[in-house]
Amino acid sequence: MKLLFMPYASTSGTWGSTVYLLAIARAARQRGHEVLFHACAPSSRLLVENGFEVRDFEGATGPDPDARGAIRDIYDVFTTLGLDRPDYWRHLLEIERDVIEDVQPDVVIADMRPTAAISARRCGVPTVGLASIGTDPRLQKRPEDQALDELARESARPYLGDTVESLPDLLFWSADRKIATSFAQFEPELSDVPGIRYIGYLDGTNRRGLGDLPPRPERLVLAYLSTVGWNSDTMVRSLARSAELAGVHVWCVTNANGRMVDVGDHLRLFDYLPLDELLPESDGLLFHGGQGTALASLFHGIPAIACPGQNYERQYNADRIEGLGCGVHASVMDLRPRTLSGLFSRIVDDPGVRTAARSAQALLRALPGSAGAVDVIESRRP
């Protein structure tokens, strides 16, 4: 089959969509399918580095990168990504039509691409969509009439009729087949979606290996702070003191200018750490609540502290980590040494948390991952 993958269309640098699709694309290529991407930079660079053909285009540039505010729902996500402009939707629809007519794919696979279902239906191609709680229209539709809902309705009507009432309808319900990149105990609200398939954890990241890293200390906790604005001097000092009080060693991903930097005896800063290789050698994780990292911690059976801030989807993920007994949903105020040191001790030393993490690991590893996603894609084959 010829498969056309369509990740989100923003130049913001958000990686989740691209990484998930990359994992599926690798598995599809291993089965002999021809794989192409329609993607904008910086995603296109990652895809080319992994040997995929990419039809590049100009992505939405997003708002002021220094703008801050709560991400309350999917509407805020699209506004933040710069995907709320009618002129850009019209641009996407035209270039998507051109690329689908040129490529002639058997299936379009999309995630966070608002126009993909419209363009595929317009060209008579079935779609597979990645579903999540963050785009479920039963939870994300705003009660008031909203500009993005109107944009979704008007754009979809010529090809999807009146089946689309809101932006989440277009993102979630309009795909012919739906893949949940999680497991039922993590996103139970999706279990009654017709035709949905839970496939588990998707690891699509580049791997650099462990060979260049120092020997792993005992009681090692990983911290991922580079994407959430926590990598300030104040936060680094707090992290160092918290690690000292808890008697743990923290390896933290932040901007270390390409170097390993030691901050006292208990904190070491890196510009990059290979998460999936290193988690099995770790005792805990501190992170921002993103779904990919949350599922990585569960896949490897590692207790976690999730601090999602004002992001609705990350708050959900943090709730699920805590609800499964596999860690803690923390607030920004919990990042002070006295509290954070106690949380470090809990995830490293509490046998109940570790047992719960292993139970979640067993559930997650029972699912097919990328291979299951390709099964769903192949089921659309004529």
Protein backbone atom coordinates (compact mmCIF):
# COMPACT_ATOMS: atom_id res chain seq x y z
CA MET A 1 0.00 0.00 0.00
CA LYS A 2 0.96 3.62 -0.42
CA LEU A 3 0.49 5.54 2.85
CA LEU A 4 0.43 9.31 3.27
CA PHE A 5 1.06 10.58 6.81
CA MET A 6 -0.11 14.06 7.82
CA PRO A 7 1.15 15.41 11.17
CA TYR A 8 0.10 18.81 12.54
CA ALA A 9 0.78 21.80 10.33
CA SER A 10 2.55 24.19 12.71
CA THR A 11 6.18 25.27 12.90
CA SER A 12 5.92 25.47 16.70
CA GLY A 13 8.24 22.52 17.26
CA THR A 14 5.62 20.44 19.07
CA TRP A 15 6.86 16.86 18.60
CA GLY A 16 4.14 14.58 19.95
CA SER A 17 2.17 14.21 16.72
CA THR A 18 5.22 13.67 14.56
CA VAL A 19 6.86 11.17 16.93
CA TYR A 20 3.74 9.00 17.10
CA LEU A 21 3.31 9.00 13.33
CA LEU A 22 7.01 8.31 12.86
CA ALA A 23 6.74 5.16 15.00
CA ILE A 24 3.80 3.91 12.92
CA ALA A 25 5.54 4.80 9.66
CA ARG A 26 8.61 2.77 10.63
CA ALA A 27 6.48 -0.28 11.32
CA ALA A 28 4.58 0.19 8.06
CA ARG A 29 7.81 0.47 6.09
CA GLN A 30 9.09 -2.73 7.70
CA ARG A 31 6.02 -4.51 6.31
CA GLY A 32 6.84 -3.29 2.81
CA HIS A 33 4.41 -0.39 2.50
CA GLU A 34 5.46 2.76 0.69
CA VAL A 35 5.43 5.68 3.13
CA LEU A 36 5.39 9.42 2.44
CA PHE A 37 4.86 12.39 4.73
CA HIS A 38 3.27 15.76 4.11
CA ALA A 39 4.95 17.83 6.81
CA CYS A 40 6.41 21.24 7.57
CA ALA A 41 9.64 22.17 9.31
CA PRO A 42 10.94 21.35 11.86
CA SER A 43 9.09 18.01 11.68
CA SER A 44 10.20 17.47 8.10
CA ARG A 45 13.86 17.52 9.15
CA LEU A 46 13.31 14.74 11.69
CA LEU A 47 11.45 12.67 9.12
CA VAL A 48 14.11 13.10 6.45
CA GLU A 49 16.78 12.12 9.00
CA ASN A 50 14.85 8.88 9.44
CA GLY A 51 14.91 8.18 5.71
CA PHE A 52 11.35 9.14 4.77
CA GLU A 53 10.25 11.04 1.69
CA VAL A 54 8.62 14.31 2.71
CA ARG A 55 6.47 16.69 0.69
CA ASP A 56 7.32 19.89 2.50
CA PHE A 57 5.13 22.96 2.86
CA GLU A 58 4.97 26.18 4.82
CA GLY A 59 3.50 25.60 8.26
CA ALA A 60 1.52 27.99 10.40
CA THR A 61 3.95 30.13 12.36
CA GLY A 62 1.91 30.35 15.54
CA PRO A 63 1.47 33.33 17.87
CA ASP A 64 4.12 35.28 19.75
CA PRO A 65 6.46 32.57 21.13
CA ASP A 66 6.77 34.55 24.38
CA ALA A 67 3.00 34.59 24.93
CA ARG A 68 1.99 32.70 28.06
CA GLY A 69 -1.38 31.53 29.27
CA ALA A 70 -3.42 28.55 30.32
CA ILE A 71 -4.15 25.87 27.72
CA ARG A 72 -7.73 25.10 28.75
CA ASP A 73 -8.86 22.96 25.81
CA ILE A 74 -8.21 21.99 22.20
CA TYR A 75 -9.26 25.45 21.05
CA ASP A 76 -6.40 27.03 22.99
CA VAL A 77 -4.03 24.46 21.48
CA PHE A 78 -5.01 25.40 17.94
CA THR A 79 -4.79 29.10 18.70
CA THR A 80 -1.36 28.63 20.25
CA LEU A 81 -0.20 26.66 17.20
CA GLY A 82 -1.46 29.37 14.86
CA LEU A 83 -4.01 27.04 13.28
CA ASP A 84 -7.04 29.25 13.88
CA ARG A 85 -6.81 31.38 10.71
CA PRO A 86 -9.40 30.80 7.94
CA ASP A 87 -6.91 31.82 5.26
CA TYR A 88 -4.46 29.16 6.45
CA TRP A 89 -7.18 26.48 6.45
CA ARG A 90 -7.98 27.36 2.83
CA HIS A 91 -4.27 27.17 2.01
CA LEU A 92 -3.99 23.74 3.66
CA LEU A 93 -7.03 22.40 1.82
CA GLU A 94 -5.58 23.39 -1.53
CA ILE A 95 -2.09 22.02 -0.98
CA GLU A 96 -3.48 18.82 0.58
CA ARG A 97 -5.67 18.25 -2.46
CA ASP A 98 -2.67 18.70 -4.72
CA VAL A 99 -0.45 16.31 -2.77
CA ILE A 100 -3.15 13.62 -2.44
CA GLU A 101 -3.91 13.79 -6.16
CA ASP A 102 -0.20 13.57 -6.94
CA VAL A 103 0.70 10.81 -4.47
CA GLN A 104 -2.51 8.75 -4.95
CA PRO A 105 -2.31 7.13 -1.49
CA ASP A 106 -4.39 4.16 -0.43
CA VAL A 107 -4.81 5.60 3.07
CA VAL A 108 -4.20 8.95 4.80
CA ILE A 109 -3.01 8.75 8.43
CA ALA A 110 -3.35 11.99 10.38
CA ASP A 111 -2.92 13.48 13.82
CA MET A 112 -3.81 17.04 14.89
CA ARG A 113 -4.33 17.95 11.22
CA PRO A 114 -7.68 19.76 11.06
CA THR A 115 -8.16 19.55 7.30
CA ALA A 116 -6.92 15.98 6.69
CA ALA A 117 -10.32 14.29 6.91
CA ILE A 118 -11.82 16.88 4.56
CA SER A 119 -9.04 16.57 1.98
CA ALA A 120 -9.08 12.77 2.08
CA ARG A 121 -12.87 12.59 1.64
CA ARG A 122 -12.64 15.16 -1.15
CA CYS A 123 -10.24 12.83 -2.97
CA GLY A 124 -12.00 9.58 -2.09
CA VAL A 125 -9.28 8.24 0.22
CA PRO A 126 -10.00 6.58 3.61
CA THR A 127 -8.48 8.06 6.75
CA VAL A 128 -6.99 6.69 9.96
CA GLY A 129 -6.90 9.19 12.82
CA LEU A 130 -5.02 9.21 16.11
CA ALA A 131 -7.49 9.79 18.90
CA SER A 132 -6.96 11.05 22.41
CA ILE A 133 -8.94 12.41 25.31
CA GLY A 134 -7.65 15.85 24.35
CA THR A 135 -9.68 15.89 21.14
CA ASP A 136 -12.81 13.97 22.23
CA PRO A 137 -15.78 16.16 21.20
CA ARG A 138 -17.83 14.92 24.14
CA LEU A 139 -15.34 16.58 26.48
CA GLN A 140 -13.75 19.36 24.43
CA LYS A 141 -16.69 21.05 22.68
CA ARG A 142 -17.21 24.55 24.08
CA PRO A 143 -20.77 25.40 25.09
CA GLU A 144 -20.76 28.70 23.24
CA ASP A 145 -20.54 29.05 19.50
CA GLN A 146 -16.86 29.45 18.76
CA ALA A 147 -15.00 30.73 15.70
CA LEU A 148 -13.01 27.53 15.27
CA ASP A 149 -16.22 25.48 15.37
CA GLU A 150 -17.70 27.63 12.63
CA LEU A 151 -14.52 27.28 10.59
CA ALA A 152 -14.68 23.49 10.98
CA ARG A 153 -18.38 23.37 10.00
CA GLU A 154 -18.01 25.56 6.93
CA SER A 155 -14.85 23.83 5.71
CA ALA A 156 -16.25 20.33 6.15
CA ARG A 157 -19.81 20.80 4.88
CA PRO A 158 -19.12 20.38 1.13
CA TYR A 159 -17.48 16.98 1.71
CA LEU A 160 -18.72 15.68 5.08
CA GLY A 161 -22.17 17.21 5.14
CA ASP A 162 -23.59 18.21 8.50
CA THR A 163 -21.78 15.51 10.46
CA VAL A 164 -19.26 18.07 11.73
CA GLU A 165 -20.56 20.47 14.36
CA SER A 166 -17.30 21.46 16.05
CA LEU A 167 -13.53 21.44 15.74
CA PRO A 168 -13.22 18.28 17.92
CA ASP A 169 -15.79 16.54 15.68
CA LEU A 170 -13.52 17.17 12.73
CA LEU A 171 -10.35 16.09 14.55
CA PHE A 172 -11.76 13.03 16.28
CA TRP A 173 -14.94 11.59 14.80
CA SER A 174 -14.42 12.18 11.08
CA ALA A 175 -11.68 9.59 10.53
CA ASP A 176 -12.83 6.24 9.11
CA ARG A 177 -10.74 4.34 11.67
CA LYS A 178 -9.43 5.57 15.01
CA ILE A 179 -6.32 4.59 16.96
CA ALA A 180 -5.90 5.40 20.66
CA THR A 181 -2.20 5.77 21.43
CA SER A 182 -2.64 4.63 25.03
CA PHE A 183 -4.46 1.86 26.91
CA ALA A 184 -7.95 1.51 28.28
CA GLN A 185 -7.00 2.02 31.93
CA PHE A 186 -5.23 5.26 31.02
CA GLU A 187 -7.96 6.77 28.81
CA PRO A 188 -11.10 4.84 29.82
CA GLU A 189 -13.40 7.55 28.43
CA LEU A 190 -12.47 6.47 24.90
CA SER A 191 -13.49 2.84 25.34
CA ASP A 192 -17.01 3.32 23.95
CA VAL A 193 -15.92 5.14 20.78
CA PRO A 194 -17.13 3.00 17.85
CA GLY A 195 -14.29 1.21 16.08
CA ILE A 196 -11.49 2.55 18.27
CA ARG A 197 -8.39 0.42 18.83
CA TYR A 198 -6.07 0.92 21.81
CA ILE A 199 -2.54 0.13 20.66
CA GLY A 200 -0.42 1.23 23.63
CA TYR A 201 2.88 3.10 23.69
CA LEU A 202 4.50 4.44 20.52
CA ASP A 203 8.21 5.13 20.65
CA GLY A 204 9.24 7.12 17.60
CA THR A 205 12.17 9.07 19.01
CA ASN A 206 15.69 9.09 17.68
CA ARG A 207 18.03 6.91 19.71
CA ARG A 208 21.58 7.93 20.44
CA GLY A 209 22.40 5.12 22.85
CA LEU A 210 23.91 5.05 26.32
CA GLY A 211 27.56 4.67 25.35
CA ASP A 212 28.56 8.31 25.94
CA LEU A 213 26.83 8.65 29.32
CA PRO A 214 28.59 8.37 32.69
CA PRO A 215 28.03 5.30 34.89
CA ARG A 216 24.53 5.39 36.33
CA PRO A 217 24.39 6.26 40.04
CA GLU A 218 22.09 4.48 42.45
CA ARG A 219 18.72 6.08 43.21
CA LEU A 220 18.70 7.82 39.84
CA VAL A 221 15.78 10.11 38.99
CA LEU A 222 15.39 11.61 35.52
CA ALA A 223 14.00 15.13 35.11
CA TYR A 224 12.81 16.61 31.81
CA LEU A 225 12.64 20.39 32.14
CA SER A 226 13.75 21.66 28.74
CA THR A 227 10.26 22.09 27.24
CA VAL A 228 8.32 23.75 30.04
CA GLY A 229 10.18 26.88 31.04
CA TRP A 230 11.46 25.42 34.30
CA ASN A 231 15.12 25.57 33.39
CA SER A 232 15.81 28.73 35.36
CA ASP A 233 18.66 29.14 37.82
CA THR A 234 16.14 29.13 40.67
CA MET A 235 14.63 25.83 39.54
CA VAL A 236 18.05 24.25 39.07
CA ARG A 237 19.06 25.26 42.60
CA SER A 238 15.78 23.87 43.95
CA LEU A 239 16.30 20.63 42.07
CA ALA A 240 19.83 20.26 43.42
CA ARG A 241 18.72 20.88 47.00
CA SER A 242 15.70 18.55 46.66
CA ALA A 243 17.91 15.75 45.38
CA GLU A 244 20.34 16.26 48.25
CA LEU A 245 17.58 16.15 50.87
CA ALA A 246 16.04 13.00 49.37
CA GLY A 247 19.37 11.24 48.90
CA VAL A 248 18.77 10.73 45.18
CA HIS A 249 20.78 11.62 42.09
CA VAL A 250 18.97 13.63 39.44
CA TRP A 251 19.95 13.69 35.77
CA CYS A 252 18.12 16.61 34.22
CA VAL A 253 17.56 17.44 30.56
CA THR A 254 17.79 21.18 30.09
CA ASN A 255 19.87 23.57 28.04
CA ALA A 256 23.38 22.66 29.11
CA ASN A 257 24.92 24.05 25.90
CA GLY A 258 25.87 20.61 24.67
CA ARG A 259 27.80 19.76 27.82
CA MET A 260 27.26 17.76 30.96
CA VAL A 261 27.22 20.18 33.88
CA ASP A 262 27.43 19.11 37.52
CA VAL A 263 25.47 21.19 40.03
CA GLY A 264 26.64 19.93 43.39
CA ASP A 265 26.93 16.23 44.16
CA HIS A 266 23.32 15.24 43.38
CA LEU A 267 22.38 17.02 40.13
CA ARG A 268 23.84 16.70 36.66
CA LEU A 269 22.50 18.67 33.67
CA PHE A 270 22.41 17.35 30.09
CA ASP A 271 21.21 18.78 26.81
CA TYR A 272 19.82 15.35 25.83
CA LEU A 273 19.12 11.98 27.40
CA PRO A 274 17.76 8.89 25.57
CA LEU A 275 14.55 8.40 27.53
CA ASP A 276 13.61 4.89 26.50
CA GLU A 277 17.08 3.50 26.96
CA LEU A 278 17.70 5.20 30.29
CA LEU A 279 14.35 4.80 32.04
CA PRO A 280 14.90 1.05 32.73
CA GLU A 281 18.08 2.01 34.61
CA SER A 282 16.31 4.71 36.65
CA ASP A 283 14.21 4.78 39.79
CA GLY A 284 11.91 7.70 39.03
CA LEU A 285 10.92 10.47 36.66
CA LEU A 286 9.96 14.15 36.99
CA PHE A 287 8.28 15.57 33.88
CA HIS A 288 5.75 18.01 32.46
CA GLY A 289 2.79 15.66 32.03
CA GLY A 290 2.96 15.05 28.27
CA GLN A 291 1.25 11.87 27.15
CA GLY A 292 4.26 10.37 25.39
CA THR A 293 6.48 10.71 28.44
CA ALA A 294 3.69 9.56 30.77
CA LEU A 295 3.24 6.38 28.76
CA ALA A 296 7.01 5.88 28.53
CA SER A 297 7.22 5.88 32.33
CA LEU A 298 4.41 3.31 32.55
CA PHE A 299 5.84 1.19 29.71
CA HIS A 300 9.08 0.88 31.65
CA GLY A 301 7.37 0.54 35.06
CA ILE A 302 8.97 3.70 36.51
CA PRO A 303 7.09 5.81 39.10
CA ALA A 304 6.71 9.46 38.12
CA ILE A 305 6.03 12.97 39.33
CA ALA A 306 3.96 14.83 36.72
CA CYS A 307 3.77 18.62 37.00
CA PRO A 308 1.50 19.78 34.16
CA GLY A 309 0.97 23.44 34.99
CA GLN A 310 -2.02 25.03 33.25
CA ASN A 311 -2.31 22.59 30.34
CA TYR A 312 -5.62 20.68 30.32
CA GLU A 313 -4.35 17.56 28.54
CA ARG A 314 -1.23 17.31 30.68
CA GLN A 315 -3.40 17.72 33.78
CA TYR A 316 -5.45 14.75 32.64
CA ASN A 317 -2.31 12.66 32.15
CA ALA A 318 -1.03 13.63 35.59
CA ASP A 319 -4.38 12.66 37.09
CA ARG A 320 -4.16 9.25 35.42
CA ILE A 321 -0.61 8.66 36.67
CA GLU A 322 -1.82 9.39 40.19
CA GLY A 323 -5.12 7.55 39.73
CA LEU A 324 -3.29 4.39 38.70
CA GLY A 325 -1.14 4.68 41.83
CA CYS A 326 2.00 5.06 39.71
CA GLY A 327 3.09 8.48 40.93
CA VAL A 328 2.06 11.99 41.85
CA HIS A 329 0.19 14.85 40.18
CA ALA A 330 2.24 17.80 41.43
CA SER A 331 1.76 21.54 41.21
CA VAL A 332 4.40 24.14 40.46
CA MET A 333 4.44 25.00 44.16
CA ASP A 334 5.51 21.41 44.86
CA LEU A 335 8.81 22.06 43.09
CA ARG A 336 10.26 23.73 46.19
CA PRO A 337 12.93 21.68 47.99
CA ARG A 338 11.02 20.70 51.11
CA THR A 339 8.06 19.32 49.15
CA LEU A 340 9.91 18.03 46.10
CA SER A 341 12.41 16.09 48.19
CA GLY A 342 9.50 14.27 49.82
CA LEU A 343 8.03 13.44 46.42
CA PHE A 344 11.39 12.13 45.24
CA SER A 345 11.55 9.88 48.29
CA ARG A 346 8.02 8.65 47.69
CA ILE A 347 8.49 7.55 44.08
CA VAL A 348 11.87 5.96 44.81
CA ASP A 349 11.12 4.29 48.15
CA ASP A 350 7.37 3.53 48.31
CA PRO A 351 6.90 -0.16 47.34
CA GLY A 352 3.20 0.40 46.67
CA VAL A 353 3.94 2.97 43.97
CA ARG A 354 6.50 0.70 42.36
CA THR A 355 4.10 -2.27 42.43
CA ALA A 356 1.38 -0.17 40.78
CA ALA A 357 3.86 0.97 38.10
CA ARG A 358 4.72 -2.65 37.33
CA SER A 359 1.03 -3.53 37.07
CA ALA A 360 0.46 -0.71 34.59
CA GLN A 361 3.55 -1.84 32.71
CA ALA A 362 2.09 -5.32 32.25
CA LEU A 363 -1.16 -3.90 30.87
CA LEU A 364 0.62 -1.59 28.48
CA ARG A 365 3.09 -4.17 27.21
CA ALA A 366 0.25 -6.54 26.37
CA LEU A 367 -0.82 -4.18 23.58
CA PRO A 368 0.64 -4.32 20.05
CA GLY A 369 2.07 -0.81 19.72
CA SER A 370 3.08 0.28 16.23
CA ALA A 371 2.32 -3.12 14.73
CA GLY A 372 -1.28 -2.80 15.92
CA ALA A 373 -1.54 0.61 14.27
CA VAL A 374 -0.40 -0.90 10.96
CA ASP A 375 -3.03 -3.64 11.39
CA VAL A 376 -5.67 -0.91 11.58
CA ILE A 377 -4.26 0.79 8.49
CA GLU A 378 -4.18 -2.47 6.55
CA SER A 379 -7.79 -3.22 7.46
CA ARG A 380 -8.81 -0.37 5.14
CA ARG A 381 -7.20 -2.09 2.20
CA PRO A 382 -9.76 -2.82 -0.58
